[in-house]
């Protein structure tokens, strides 16, 4: 049965929704706050992780937008999980921000369980049609990244990277075309945030560029987005 994770501090609502969805063929795990939900995503139970996250916007510790942001910075198999965001707020800006943060759909409270079920099925159907296995060997033109061998080559030439730099490169390449902040990149690699003023990542990015770019001072693959962070360009060479 498809597994769902519901992150919501309303225990009564979570129980009602859980029972309804389980009668409809789903298995539902409940987390009462954002950090507990993230812990379940980072270390899923032996039975396996969820196929979709139902996420409340208003949580007692960190809000749903922050949970969504951190989720999208986790390793790729988790970062790609669809998110259906719930909220009691009526401000259209909350919906816009939620979708920009990576939510797949948005449902205001109160809602009909049947509508929630229909939206879950629609999201899973869309994701199923577009699902693809995680590539163990990633190719971007002449650049090849071998996850299993933890090696990087450009036109067959080995690139010397430290283990940490390799992980940074993979984190960016997995999310090619997405602008990531420094904190998001470090969360993807180490599973926790760095202080905003920590610029050690910039040093590592410089060394990665020197290894994989034709001209490290005029990069074409790892681009700096001023005031935000970095993006791995999708273009092929």
C-alpha atoms as a PDB file:
ATOM      1  CA  UNK A   1       0.000   0.000   0.000  1.00  0.00           C
ATOM      2  CA  UNK A   2       1.225   3.531  -0.725  1.00  0.00           C
ATOM      3  CA  UNK A   3       2.681   5.172   2.361  1.00  0.00           C
ATOM      4  CA  UNK A   4       1.963   8.736   3.422  1.00  0.00           C
ATOM      5  CA  UNK A   5       3.515  10.937   6.098  1.00  0.00           C
ATOM      6  CA  UNK A   6       1.228  13.505   7.713  1.00  0.00           C
ATOM      7  CA  UNK A   7       2.986  16.309   9.614  1.00  0.00           C
ATOM      8  CA  UNK A   8       0.322  18.137  11.615  1.00  0.00           C
ATOM      9  CA  UNK A   9       0.029  19.119  15.286  1.00  0.00           C
ATOM     10  CA  UNK A  10      -3.768  18.622  15.283  1.00  0.00           C
ATOM     11  CA  UNK A  11      -3.945  15.078  16.677  1.00  0.00           C
ATOM     12  CA  UNK A  12      -7.717  14.823  16.234  1.00  0.00           C
ATOM     13  CA  UNK A  13      -7.567  15.857  12.579  1.00  0.00           C
ATOM     14  CA  UNK A  14      -4.593  13.572  11.930  1.00  0.00           C
ATOM     15  CA  UNK A  15      -6.469  10.606  13.395  1.00  0.00           C
ATOM     16  CA  UNK A  16      -9.601  11.318  11.371  1.00  0.00           C
ATOM     17  CA  UNK A  17      -7.676  11.830   8.126  1.00  0.00           C
ATOM     18  CA  UNK A  18      -5.468   8.816   8.809  1.00  0.00           C
ATOM     19  CA  UNK A  19      -8.436   6.507   9.340  1.00  0.00           C
ATOM     20  CA  UNK A  20     -10.127   7.791   6.188  1.00  0.00           C
ATOM     21  CA  UNK A  21      -7.035   7.397   4.037  1.00  0.00           C
ATOM     22  CA  UNK A  22      -6.274   3.950   5.437  1.00  0.00           C
ATOM     23  CA  UNK A  23      -9.804   2.841   4.459  1.00  0.00           C
ATOM     24  CA  UNK A  24      -8.919   4.105   0.982  1.00  0.00           C
ATOM     25  CA  UNK A  25      -5.828   1.912   0.704  1.00  0.00           C
ATOM     26  CA  UNK A  26      -3.022   4.029   2.176  1.00  0.00           C
ATOM     27  CA  UNK A  27      -0.714   3.581   5.144  1.00  0.00           C
ATOM     28  CA  UNK A  28      -0.393   6.804   7.148  1.00  0.00           C
ATOM     29  CA  UNK A  29       2.365   7.764   9.602  1.00  0.00           C
ATOM     30  CA  UNK A  30       1.796  10.836  11.775  1.00  0.00           C
ATOM     31  CA  UNK A  31       4.338  13.347  13.092  1.00  0.00           C
ATOM     32  CA  UNK A  32       3.134  16.069  15.457  1.00  0.00           C
ATOM     33  CA  UNK A  33       5.779  18.668  14.604  1.00  0.00           C
ATOM     34  CA  UNK A  34       8.190  19.635  11.849  1.00  0.00           C
ATOM     35  CA  UNK A  35      11.400  18.301  13.351  1.00  0.00           C
ATOM     36  CA  UNK A  36       9.829  14.904  14.073  1.00  0.00           C
ATOM     37  CA  UNK A  37       8.602  14.740  10.495  1.00  0.00           C
ATOM     38  CA  UNK A  38      12.034  15.592   9.115  1.00  0.00           C
ATOM     39  CA  UNK A  39      13.604  12.931  11.353  1.00  0.00           C
ATOM     40  CA  UNK A  40      11.269  10.315   9.847  1.00  0.00           C
ATOM     41  CA  UNK A  41      12.213  11.454   6.353  1.00  0.00           C
ATOM     42  CA  UNK A  42      15.958  11.397   7.081  1.00  0.00           C
ATOM     43  CA  UNK A  43      15.828   7.952   8.742  1.00  0.00           C
ATOM     44  CA  UNK A  44      12.767   6.108   7.407  1.00  0.00           C
ATOM     45  CA  UNK A  45      11.535   2.943   9.174  1.00  0.00           C
ATOM     46  CA  UNK A  46      12.529  -0.511   7.874  1.00  0.00           C
ATOM     47  CA  UNK A  47       9.191  -0.760   6.090  1.00  0.00           C
ATOM     48  CA  UNK A  48      10.273   2.119   3.840  1.00  0.00           C
ATOM     49  CA  UNK A  49       9.673   5.830   3.514  1.00  0.00           C
ATOM     50  CA  UNK A  50       6.544   7.647   2.338  1.00  0.00           C
ATOM     51  CA  UNK A  51       5.505   8.306  -1.245  1.00  0.00           C
ATOM     52  CA  UNK A  52       3.925  11.646  -0.319  1.00  0.00           C
ATOM     53  CA  UNK A  53       4.015  14.164   2.545  1.00  0.00           C
ATOM     54  CA  UNK A  54       0.899  15.929   3.843  1.00  0.00           C
ATOM     55  CA  UNK A  55       2.321  19.018   5.520  1.00  0.00           C
ATOM     56  CA  UNK A  56       0.540  21.559   7.726  1.00  0.00           C
ATOM     57  CA  UNK A  57       1.736  25.142   7.360  1.00  0.00           C
ATOM     58  CA  UNK A  58       1.296  26.039  11.052  1.00  0.00           C
ATOM     59  CA  UNK A  59       3.410  23.801  13.307  1.00  0.00           C
ATOM     60  CA  UNK A  60       4.555  24.295  16.917  1.00  0.00           C
ATOM     61  CA  UNK A  61       8.317  24.266  16.272  1.00  0.00           C
ATOM     62  CA  UNK A  62       9.222  25.208  12.701  1.00  0.00           C
ATOM     63  CA  UNK A  63       6.594  26.136  10.139  1.00  0.00           C
ATOM     64  CA  UNK A  64       5.655  24.084   7.116  1.00  0.00           C
ATOM     65  CA  UNK A  65       7.543  26.334   4.722  1.00  0.00           C
ATOM     66  CA  UNK A  66      10.782  25.658   6.604  1.00  0.00           C
ATOM     67  CA  UNK A  67      10.028  21.916   6.666  1.00  0.00           C
ATOM     68  CA  UNK A  68       9.487  22.005   2.904  1.00  0.00           C
ATOM     69  CA  UNK A  69      12.711  23.944   2.363  1.00  0.00           C
ATOM     70  CA  UNK A  70      14.725  21.456   4.420  1.00  0.00           C
ATOM     71  CA  UNK A  71      13.050  18.490   2.753  1.00  0.00           C
ATOM     72  CA  UNK A  72      14.010  19.774  -0.700  1.00  0.00           C
ATOM     73  CA  UNK A  73      17.653  19.926   0.406  1.00  0.00           C
ATOM     74  CA  UNK A  74      17.785  16.282   1.536  1.00  0.00           C
ATOM     75  CA  UNK A  75      19.274  13.517  -0.682  1.00  0.00           C
ATOM     76  CA  UNK A  76      17.531  13.256  -4.036  1.00  0.00           C
ATOM     77  CA  UNK A  77      15.308  10.244  -3.315  1.00  0.00           C
ATOM     78  CA  UNK A  78      13.729  12.166  -0.417  1.00  0.00           C
ATOM     79  CA  UNK A  79      13.999  15.667  -1.924  1.00  0.00           C
ATOM     80  CA  UNK A  80      11.779  14.607  -4.830  1.00  0.00           C
ATOM     81  CA  UNK A  81       8.894  13.501  -2.590  1.00  0.00           C
ATOM     82  CA  UNK A  82       5.641  15.268  -3.460  1.00  0.00           C
ATOM     83  CA  UNK A  83       4.267  17.600  -0.795  1.00  0.00           C
ATOM     84  CA  UNK A  84       0.605  18.496  -0.277  1.00  0.00           C
ATOM     85  CA  UNK A  85       0.468  21.540   1.998  1.00  0.00           C
ATOM     86  CA  UNK A  86      -2.420  22.192   4.407  1.00  0.00           C
ATOM     87  CA  UNK A  87      -3.158  25.523   6.019  1.00  0.00           C
ATOM     88  CA  UNK A  88      -5.818  27.340   7.969  1.00  0.00           C
ATOM     89  CA  UNK A  89      -4.717  30.666   6.548  1.00  0.00           C
ATOM     90  CA  UNK A  90      -6.671  32.327   3.791  1.00  0.00           C
ATOM     91  CA  UNK A  91      -3.926  34.625   2.501  1.00  0.00           C
ATOM     92  CA  UNK A  92      -3.241  33.828  -1.190  1.00  0.00           C
ATOM     93  CA  UNK A  93       0.406  34.774  -0.583  1.00  0.00           C
ATOM     94  CA  UNK A  94       0.799  31.699   1.646  1.00  0.00           C
ATOM     95  CA  UNK A  95      -0.238  29.524  -1.269  1.00  0.00           C
ATOM     96  CA  UNK A  96       2.189  31.252  -3.621  1.00  0.00           C
ATOM     97  CA  UNK A  97       5.089  30.974  -1.171  1.00  0.00           C
ATOM     98  CA  UNK A  98       4.272  27.335  -0.456  1.00  0.00           C
ATOM     99  CA  UNK A  99       4.324  26.440  -4.141  1.00  0.00           C
ATOM    100  CA  UNK A 100       7.530  28.399  -4.689  1.00  0.00           C
ATOM    101  CA  UNK A 101       9.143  26.493  -1.811  1.00  0.00           C
ATOM    102  CA  UNK A 102       8.433  23.210  -3.589  1.00  0.00           C
ATOM    103  CA  UNK A 103       4.943  22.130  -2.529  1.00  0.00           C
ATOM    104  CA  UNK A 104       3.079  20.219  -5.265  1.00  0.00           C
ATOM    105  CA  UNK A 105      -0.402  21.257  -4.188  1.00  0.00           C
ATOM    106  CA  UNK A 106      -2.163  23.318  -1.551  1.00  0.00           C
ATOM    107  CA  UNK A 107      -5.408  22.643   0.346  1.00  0.00           C
ATOM    108  CA  UNK A 108      -6.916  25.154   2.814  1.00  0.00           C
ATOM    109  CA  UNK A 109      -8.578  24.017   6.047  1.00  0.00           C
ATOM    110  CA  UNK A 110     -11.284  23.032   6.635  1.00  0.00           C
ATOM    111  CA  UNK A 111     -11.430  20.530   3.802  1.00  0.00           C
ATOM    112  CA  UNK A 112     -13.448  17.526   2.758  1.00  0.00           C
ATOM    113  CA  UNK A 113     -11.518  14.241   3.177  1.00  0.00           C
ATOM    114  CA  UNK A 114     -12.718  13.218  -0.274  1.00  0.00           C
ATOM    115  CA  UNK A 115     -11.046  16.264  -1.803  1.00  0.00           C
ATOM    116  CA  UNK A 116      -7.817  15.488   0.052  1.00  0.00           C
ATOM    117  CA  UNK A 117      -7.948  11.907  -1.243  1.00  0.00           C
ATOM    118  CA  UNK A 118      -8.580  13.100  -4.805  1.00  0.00           C
ATOM    119  CA  UNK A 119      -5.638  15.500  -4.671  1.00  0.00           C
ATOM    120  CA  UNK A 120      -3.319  12.832  -3.237  1.00  0.00           C
ATOM    121  CA  UNK A 121      -4.258  10.409  -5.991  1.00  0.00           C
ATOM    122  CA  UNK A 122      -3.804  13.087  -8.661  1.00  0.00           C
ATOM    123  CA  UNK A 123      -0.341  14.008  -7.365  1.00  0.00           C
ATOM    124  CA  UNK A 124       0.772  10.377  -7.180  1.00  0.00           C
ATOM    125  CA  UNK A 125      -0.607   9.723 -10.655  1.00  0.00           C
ATOM    126  CA  UNK A 126       1.319  12.668 -12.076  1.00  0.00           C
ATOM    127  CA  UNK A 127       4.485  11.665 -10.265  1.00  0.00           C
ATOM    128  CA  UNK A 128       4.118   8.056 -11.377  1.00  0.00           C
ATOM    129  CA  UNK A 129       3.877   9.079 -15.016  1.00  0.00           C
ATOM    130  CA  UNK A 130       7.068  11.120 -14.738  1.00  0.00           C
ATOM    131  CA  UNK A 131       9.033   8.995 -12.278  1.00  0.00           C
ATOM    132  CA  UNK A 132      12.562   7.977 -13.168  1.00  0.00           C
ATOM    133  CA  UNK A 133      15.157   5.937 -11.291  1.00  0.00           C
ATOM    134  CA  UNK A 134      18.070   7.723  -9.678  1.00  0.00           C
ATOM    135  CA  UNK A 135      20.966   7.671 -12.098  1.00  0.00           C
ATOM    136  CA  UNK A 136      24.097   6.089 -10.676  1.00  0.00           C
ATOM    137  CA  UNK A 137      26.160   7.609 -13.504  1.00  0.00           C
ATOM    138  CA  UNK A 138      25.282  11.225 -14.248  1.00  0.00           C
ATOM    139  CA  UNK A 139      26.393  12.713 -17.563  1.00  0.00           C
ATOM    140  CA  UNK A 140      26.445  16.388 -18.477  1.00  0.00           C
ATOM    141  CA  UNK A 141      28.157  16.605 -21.849  1.00  0.00           C
ATOM    142  CA  UNK A 142      31.780  15.618 -21.291  1.00  0.00           C
ATOM    143  CA  UNK A 143      31.344  15.636 -17.501  1.00  0.00           C
ATOM    144  CA  UNK A 144      30.614  12.265 -15.883  1.00  0.00           C
ATOM    145  CA  UNK A 145      29.880  11.728 -12.190  1.00  0.00           C
ATOM    146  CA  UNK A 146      30.015   8.116 -10.983  1.00  0.00           C
ATOM    147  CA  UNK A 147      28.144   7.858  -7.678  1.00  0.00           C
ATOM    148  CA  UNK A 148      29.200   4.300  -6.930  1.00  0.00           C
ATOM    149  CA  UNK A 149      32.853   4.764  -7.796  1.00  0.00           C
ATOM    150  CA  UNK A 150      32.841   8.305  -6.372  1.00  0.00           C
ATOM    151  CA  UNK A 151      34.822   9.521  -9.351  1.00  0.00           C
ATOM    152  CA  UNK A 152      34.475  12.494 -11.688  1.00  0.00           C
ATOM    153  CA  UNK A 153      35.860  12.748 -15.203  1.00  0.00           C
ATOM    154  CA  UNK A 154      35.805  15.425 -17.914  1.00  0.00           C
ATOM    155  CA  UNK A 155      36.280  14.034 -21.431  1.00  0.00           C
ATOM    156  CA  UNK A 156      37.765  10.934 -19.793  1.00  0.00           C
ATOM    157  CA  UNK A 157      40.225  12.924 -17.690  1.00  0.00           C
ATOM    158  CA  UNK A 158      40.005  12.190 -13.935  1.00  0.00           C
ATOM    159  CA  UNK A 159      39.240  15.169 -11.725  1.00  0.00           C
ATOM    160  CA  UNK A 160      40.840  15.354  -8.304  1.00  0.00           C
ATOM    161  CA  UNK A 161      38.207  16.143  -5.681  1.00  0.00           C
ATOM    162  CA  UNK A 162      38.072  15.520  -1.961  1.00  0.00           C
ATOM    163  CA  UNK A 163      35.240  13.381  -0.613  1.00  0.00           C
ATOM    164  CA  UNK A 164      33.472  16.480   0.655  1.00  0.00           C
ATOM    165  CA  UNK A 165      33.845  18.252  -2.695  1.00  0.00           C
ATOM    166  CA  UNK A 166      32.479  15.196  -4.495  1.00  0.00           C
ATOM    167  CA  UNK A 167      29.399  15.265  -2.251  1.00  0.00           C
ATOM    168  CA  UNK A 168      28.938  18.974  -2.906  1.00  0.00           C
ATOM    169  CA  UNK A 169      29.127  18.420  -6.654  1.00  0.00           C
ATOM    170  CA  UNK A 170      26.595  15.572  -6.502  1.00  0.00           C
ATOM    171  CA  UNK A 171      24.226  17.686  -4.403  1.00  0.00           C
ATOM    172  CA  UNK A 172      24.279  20.405  -7.079  1.00  0.00           C
ATOM    173  CA  UNK A 173      24.122  18.025 -10.048  1.00  0.00           C
ATOM    174  CA  UNK A 174      21.125  16.170  -8.592  1.00  0.00           C
ATOM    175  CA  UNK A 175      19.284  19.476  -8.575  1.00  0.00           C
ATOM    176  CA  UNK A 176      20.549  20.816 -11.905  1.00  0.00           C
ATOM    177  CA  UNK A 177      18.763  24.003 -12.880  1.00  0.00           C
ATOM    178  CA  UNK A 178      17.633  24.794  -9.318  1.00  0.00           C
ATOM    179  CA  UNK A 179      19.174  27.717  -7.457  1.00  0.00           C
ATOM    180  CA  UNK A 180      20.336  26.569  -4.002  1.00  0.00           C
ATOM    181  CA  UNK A 181      21.431  28.682  -1.084  1.00  0.00           C
ATOM    182  CA  UNK A 182      24.682  27.808   0.685  1.00  0.00           C
ATOM    183  CA  UNK A 183      22.723  26.431   3.627  1.00  0.00           C
ATOM    184  CA  UNK A 184      20.588  24.223   1.371  1.00  0.00           C
ATOM    185  CA  UNK A 185      23.686  22.791  -0.280  1.00  0.00           C
ATOM    186  CA  UNK A 186      25.323  22.054   3.059  1.00  0.00           C
ATOM    187  CA  UNK A 187      22.116  20.525   4.412  1.00  0.00           C
ATOM    188  CA  UNK A 188      22.034  18.204   1.394  1.00  0.00           C
ATOM    189  CA  UNK A 189      25.586  17.088   2.136  1.00  0.00           C
ATOM    190  CA  UNK A 190      25.687  17.041   5.909  1.00  0.00           C
ATOM    191  CA  UNK A 191      22.040  16.999   6.934  1.00  0.00           C
ATOM    192  CA  UNK A 192      22.267  20.148   9.055  1.00  0.00           C
ATOM    193  CA  UNK A 193      22.478  23.870   8.568  1.00  0.00           C
ATOM    194  CA  UNK A 194      25.585  26.010   8.753  1.00  0.00           C
ATOM    195  CA  UNK A 195      25.611  29.525  10.071  1.00  0.00           C
ATOM    196  CA  UNK A 196      24.700  31.989   7.350  1.00  0.00           C
ATOM    197  CA  UNK A 197      28.064  33.735   7.568  1.00  0.00           C
ATOM    198  CA  UNK A 198      30.083  30.547   6.988  1.00  0.00           C
ATOM    199  CA  UNK A 199      31.747  30.952   3.577  1.00  0.00           C
ATOM    200  CA  UNK A 200      33.826  27.779   3.547  1.00  0.00           C
ATOM    201  CA  UNK A 201      31.538  26.456   0.822  1.00  0.00           C
ATOM    202  CA  UNK A 202      32.771  29.214  -1.510  1.00  0.00           C
ATOM    203  CA  UNK A 203      36.328  27.907  -1.177  1.00  0.00           C
ATOM    204  CA  UNK A 204      35.189  24.386  -2.030  1.00  0.00           C
ATOM    205  CA  UNK A 205      33.188  25.631  -5.014  1.00  0.00           C
ATOM    206  CA  UNK A 206      36.268  27.384  -6.326  1.00  0.00           C
ATOM    207  CA  UNK A 207      38.256  24.158  -6.149  1.00  0.00           C
ATOM    208  CA  UNK A 208      35.475  22.131  -7.778  1.00  0.00           C
ATOM    209  CA  UNK A 209      35.350  24.646 -10.611  1.00  0.00           C
ATOM    210  CA  UNK A 210      39.106  24.457 -11.034  1.00  0.00           C
ATOM    211  CA  UNK A 211      38.777  20.681 -11.404  1.00  0.00           C
ATOM    212  CA  UNK A 212      35.784  20.401 -13.757  1.00  0.00           C
ATOM    213  CA  UNK A 213      35.595  23.685 -15.701  1.00  0.00           C
ATOM    214  CA  UNK A 214      37.640  24.554 -18.757  1.00  0.00           C
ATOM    215  CA  UNK A 215      38.139  27.982 -17.215  1.00  0.00           C
ATOM    216  CA  UNK A 216      37.547  28.086 -13.483  1.00  0.00           C
ATOM    217  CA  UNK A 217      37.367  31.895 -13.518  1.00  0.00           C
ATOM    218  CA  UNK A 218      34.626  31.859 -16.160  1.00  0.00           C
ATOM    219  CA  UNK A 219      32.533  28.823 -15.168  1.00  0.00           C
ATOM    220  CA  UNK A 220      29.815  27.373 -17.363  1.00  0.00           C
ATOM    221  CA  UNK A 221      28.607  24.565 -15.121  1.00  0.00           C
ATOM    222  CA  UNK A 222      28.536  25.849 -11.538  1.00  0.00           C
ATOM    223  CA  UNK A 223      27.205  29.395 -11.658  1.00  0.00           C
ATOM    224  CA  UNK A 224      27.039  31.907  -8.831  1.00  0.00           C
ATOM    225  CA  UNK A 225      23.682  33.571  -8.242  1.00  0.00           C
ATOM    226  CA  UNK A 226      24.664  36.790  -6.535  1.00  0.00           C
ATOM    227  CA  UNK A 227      23.141  37.198  -3.093  1.00  0.00           C
ATOM    228  CA  UNK A 228      21.581  33.718  -3.168  1.00  0.00           C
ATOM    229  CA  UNK A 229      23.926  30.803  -3.809  1.00  0.00           C
ATOM    230  CA  UNK A 230      24.753  28.481  -6.689  1.00  0.00           C
ATOM    231  CA  UNK A 231      23.102  26.662  -9.569  1.00  0.00           C
ATOM    232  CA  UNK A 232      24.379  23.743 -11.630  1.00  0.00           C
ATOM    233  CA  UNK A 233      23.656  24.649 -15.242  1.00  0.00           C
ATOM    234  CA  UNK A 234      21.819  22.075 -17.352  1.00  0.00           C
ATOM    235  CA  UNK A 235      23.499  22.937 -20.618  1.00  0.00           C
ATOM    236  CA  UNK A 236      25.613  20.301 -22.400  1.00  0.00           C
ATOM    237  CA  UNK A 237      29.035  21.046 -23.868  1.00  0.00           C
END
